[in-house]
Amino acid sequence: MHVVIKTGHKTTDAWLAKQAIWHDKDMLKAVLVGVALGVVLGFFWGYGVGTPDLSGLIHTGIKG
């Protein structure tokens, strides 16, 4: 199915004719990829922010 949008403005009509058509499955894929990427990046960012900075501690070698 090809959708034709007529605005009455020749340049705009020519530009719109070249644009991609997004179907429901395309939108769902884009949302799922965005959510997955957000979860992964959010996990890594949250993990990096939440880890303690141990660089200032003196290592004594004593265990236990």
N, C-alpha and C. Protein backbone atom coordinates (compact mmCIF):
# COMPACT_ATOMS: atom_id res chain seq x y z
N MET A 1 0.85 -1.17 0.00
CA MET A 1 0.00 0.00 0.00
C MET A 1 0.89 1.24 0.00
N HIS A 2 0.69 2.09 -0.94
CA HIS A 2 1.48 3.31 -1.06
C HIS A 2 0.60 4.50 -0.70
N VAL A 3 1.03 5.25 0.28
CA VAL A 3 0.28 6.41 0.74
C VAL A 3 0.82 7.65 0.05
N VAL A 4 -0.07 8.42 -0.54
CA VAL A 4 0.32 9.65 -1.21
C VAL A 4 -0.20 10.82 -0.39
N ILE A 5 0.72 11.69 0.00
CA ILE A 5 0.35 12.87 0.77
C ILE A 5 0.51 14.08 -0.13
N LYS A 6 -0.55 14.83 -0.29
CA LYS A 6 -0.51 16.05 -1.11
C LYS A 6 -0.70 17.26 -0.20
N THR A 7 0.29 18.14 -0.22
CA THR A 7 0.19 19.35 0.59
C THR A 7 -0.12 20.57 -0.27
N GLY A 8 0.06 20.42 -1.57
CA GLY A 8 -0.15 21.56 -2.44
C GLY A 8 1.13 22.35 -2.69
N HIS A 9 2.20 22.01 -1.97
CA HIS A 9 3.49 22.66 -2.13
C HIS A 9 4.40 21.68 -2.87
N LYS A 10 4.82 22.01 -4.07
CA LYS A 10 5.52 21.09 -4.95
C LYS A 10 6.79 20.51 -4.32
N THR A 11 7.59 21.33 -3.71
CA THR A 11 8.84 20.88 -3.11
C THR A 11 8.57 19.94 -1.94
N THR A 12 7.61 20.27 -1.11
CA THR A 12 7.28 19.43 0.04
C THR A 12 6.70 18.10 -0.43
N ASP A 13 5.84 18.11 -1.43
CA ASP A 13 5.27 16.87 -1.95
C ASP A 13 6.36 15.96 -2.51
N ALA A 14 7.34 16.53 -3.21
CA ALA A 14 8.44 15.74 -3.75
C ALA A 14 9.28 15.14 -2.62
N TRP A 15 9.52 15.90 -1.57
CA TRP A 15 10.30 15.42 -0.43
C TRP A 15 9.55 14.32 0.31
N LEU A 16 8.26 14.50 0.54
CA LEU A 16 7.47 13.49 1.24
C LEU A 16 7.35 12.20 0.45
N ALA A 17 7.35 12.28 -0.86
CA ALA A 17 7.25 11.09 -1.70
C ALA A 17 8.47 10.18 -1.53
N LYS A 18 9.61 10.74 -1.14
CA LYS A 18 10.85 9.97 -0.98
C LYS A 18 11.02 9.40 0.43
N GLN A 19 10.17 9.77 1.36
CA GLN A 19 10.33 9.34 2.74
C GLN A 19 9.89 7.90 2.93
N ALA A 20 10.55 7.23 3.88
CA ALA A 20 10.22 5.84 4.18
C ALA A 20 8.87 5.75 4.88
N ILE A 21 8.20 4.62 4.68
CA ILE A 21 6.93 4.37 5.35
C ILE A 21 7.19 3.40 6.50
N TRP A 22 6.82 3.79 7.71
CA TRP A 22 7.00 2.95 8.88
C TRP A 22 5.71 2.22 9.17
N HIS A 23 5.78 0.88 9.23
CA HIS A 23 4.64 0.07 9.56
C HIS A 23 4.67 -0.25 11.05
N ASP A 24 3.60 -0.85 11.56
CA ASP A 24 3.52 -1.16 12.99
C ASP A 24 4.67 -2.05 13.45
N LYS A 25 5.03 -3.05 12.66
CA LYS A 25 6.12 -3.95 13.06
C LYS A 25 7.46 -3.20 13.10
N ASP A 26 7.64 -2.23 12.22
CA ASP A 26 8.87 -1.43 12.24
C ASP A 26 8.95 -0.58 13.50
N MET A 27 7.82 0.00 13.86
CA MET A 27 7.79 0.84 15.08
C MET A 27 8.03 -0.02 16.32
N LEU A 28 7.44 -1.22 16.35
CA LEU A 28 7.62 -2.12 17.49
C LEU A 28 9.08 -2.55 17.61
N LYS A 29 9.72 -2.87 16.49
CA LYS A 29 11.14 -3.23 16.51
C LYS A 29 11.99 -2.08 17.03
N ALA A 30 11.70 -0.87 16.57
CA ALA A 30 12.48 0.30 17.00
C ALA A 30 12.33 0.52 18.51
N VAL A 31 11.12 0.37 19.02
CA VAL A 31 10.88 0.55 20.45
C VAL A 31 11.60 -0.53 21.25
N LEU A 32 11.50 -1.78 20.81
CA LEU A 32 12.15 -2.88 21.53
C LEU A 32 13.67 -2.74 21.53
N VAL A 33 14.24 -2.33 20.41
CA VAL A 33 15.69 -2.12 20.36
C VAL A 33 16.08 -0.97 21.30
N GLY A 34 15.29 0.09 21.30
CA GLY A 34 15.57 1.22 22.19
C GLY A 34 15.48 0.85 23.66
N VAL A 35 14.47 0.06 24.01
CA VAL A 35 14.32 -0.37 25.41
C VAL A 35 15.48 -1.28 25.81
N ALA A 36 15.82 -2.24 24.93
CA ALA A 36 16.92 -3.15 25.24
C ALA A 36 18.24 -2.39 25.40
N LEU A 37 18.50 -1.47 24.49
CA LEU A 37 19.72 -0.68 24.57
C LEU A 37 19.73 0.18 25.83
N GLY A 38 18.59 0.75 26.18
CA GLY A 38 18.49 1.56 27.39
C GLY A 38 18.73 0.75 28.65
N VAL A 39 18.20 -0.48 28.69
CA VAL A 39 18.41 -1.33 29.86
C VAL A 39 19.88 -1.71 29.99
N VAL A 40 20.50 -2.10 28.89
CA VAL A 40 21.91 -2.50 28.94
C VAL A 40 22.80 -1.32 29.33
N LEU A 41 22.62 -0.19 28.67
CA LEU A 41 23.44 0.98 29.01
C LEU A 41 23.14 1.48 30.42
N GLY A 42 21.88 1.45 30.81
CA GLY A 42 21.52 1.86 32.17
C GLY A 42 22.13 0.96 33.22
N PHE A 43 22.18 -0.33 32.94
CA PHE A 43 22.81 -1.27 33.88
C PHE A 43 24.29 -0.95 34.04
N PHE A 44 24.98 -0.80 32.90
CA PHE A 44 26.42 -0.53 32.97
C PHE A 44 26.71 0.83 33.61
N TRP A 45 25.91 1.84 33.27
CA TRP A 45 26.12 3.16 33.87
C TRP A 45 25.83 3.12 35.36
N GLY A 46 24.75 2.46 35.73
CA GLY A 46 24.39 2.35 37.14
C GLY A 46 25.41 1.55 37.92
N TYR A 47 25.94 0.50 37.32
CA TYR A 47 26.96 -0.29 37.99
C TYR A 47 28.23 0.52 38.17
N GLY A 48 28.61 1.28 37.15
CA GLY A 48 29.83 2.09 37.24
C GLY A 48 29.71 3.21 38.27
N VAL A 49 28.54 3.79 38.39
CA VAL A 49 28.33 4.87 39.35
C VAL A 49 28.24 4.30 40.77
N GLY A 50 27.68 3.11 40.90
CA GLY A 50 27.44 2.53 42.22
C GLY A 50 28.63 1.83 42.84
N THR A 51 29.70 1.60 42.10
CA THR A 51 30.85 0.89 42.66
C THR A 51 31.66 1.84 43.53
N PRO A 52 32.15 1.34 44.65
CA PRO A 52 32.96 2.21 45.53
C PRO A 52 34.34 2.46 44.94
N ASP A 53 34.90 3.61 45.26
CA ASP A 53 36.25 3.96 44.81
C ASP A 53 37.24 3.50 45.88
N LEU A 54 37.95 2.44 45.58
CA LEU A 54 38.89 1.87 46.55
C LEU A 54 40.32 2.33 46.31
N SER A 55 40.52 3.29 45.43
CA SER A 55 41.88 3.70 45.09
C SER A 55 42.59 4.41 46.24
N GLY A 56 41.86 4.97 47.20
CA GLY A 56 42.49 5.68 48.30
C GLY A 56 42.85 4.79 49.49
N LEU A 57 42.47 3.52 49.44
CA LEU A 57 42.77 2.61 50.56
C LEU A 57 44.19 2.09 50.45
N ILE A 58 44.81 1.90 51.61
CA ILE A 58 46.16 1.37 51.66
C ILE A 58 46.05 -0.14 51.75
N HIS A 59 46.75 -0.83 50.84
CA HIS A 59 46.72 -2.29 50.84
C HIS A 59 47.76 -2.80 51.81
N THR A 60 47.30 -3.51 52.85
CA THR A 60 48.23 -4.00 53.88
C THR A 60 48.62 -5.45 53.67
N GLY A 61 47.87 -6.17 52.83
CA GLY A 61 48.17 -7.58 52.64
C GLY A 61 47.52 -8.47 53.68
N ILE A 62 46.91 -7.89 54.71
CA ILE A 62 46.26 -8.68 55.75
C ILE A 62 44.90 -9.13 55.24
N LYS A 63 44.65 -10.44 55.37
CA LYS A 63 43.37 -10.98 54.93
C LYS A 63 42.59 -11.46 56.13
N GLY A 64 41.29 -11.33 56.05
CA GLY A 64 40.43 -11.85 57.11
C GLY A 64 40.03 -10.79 57.99
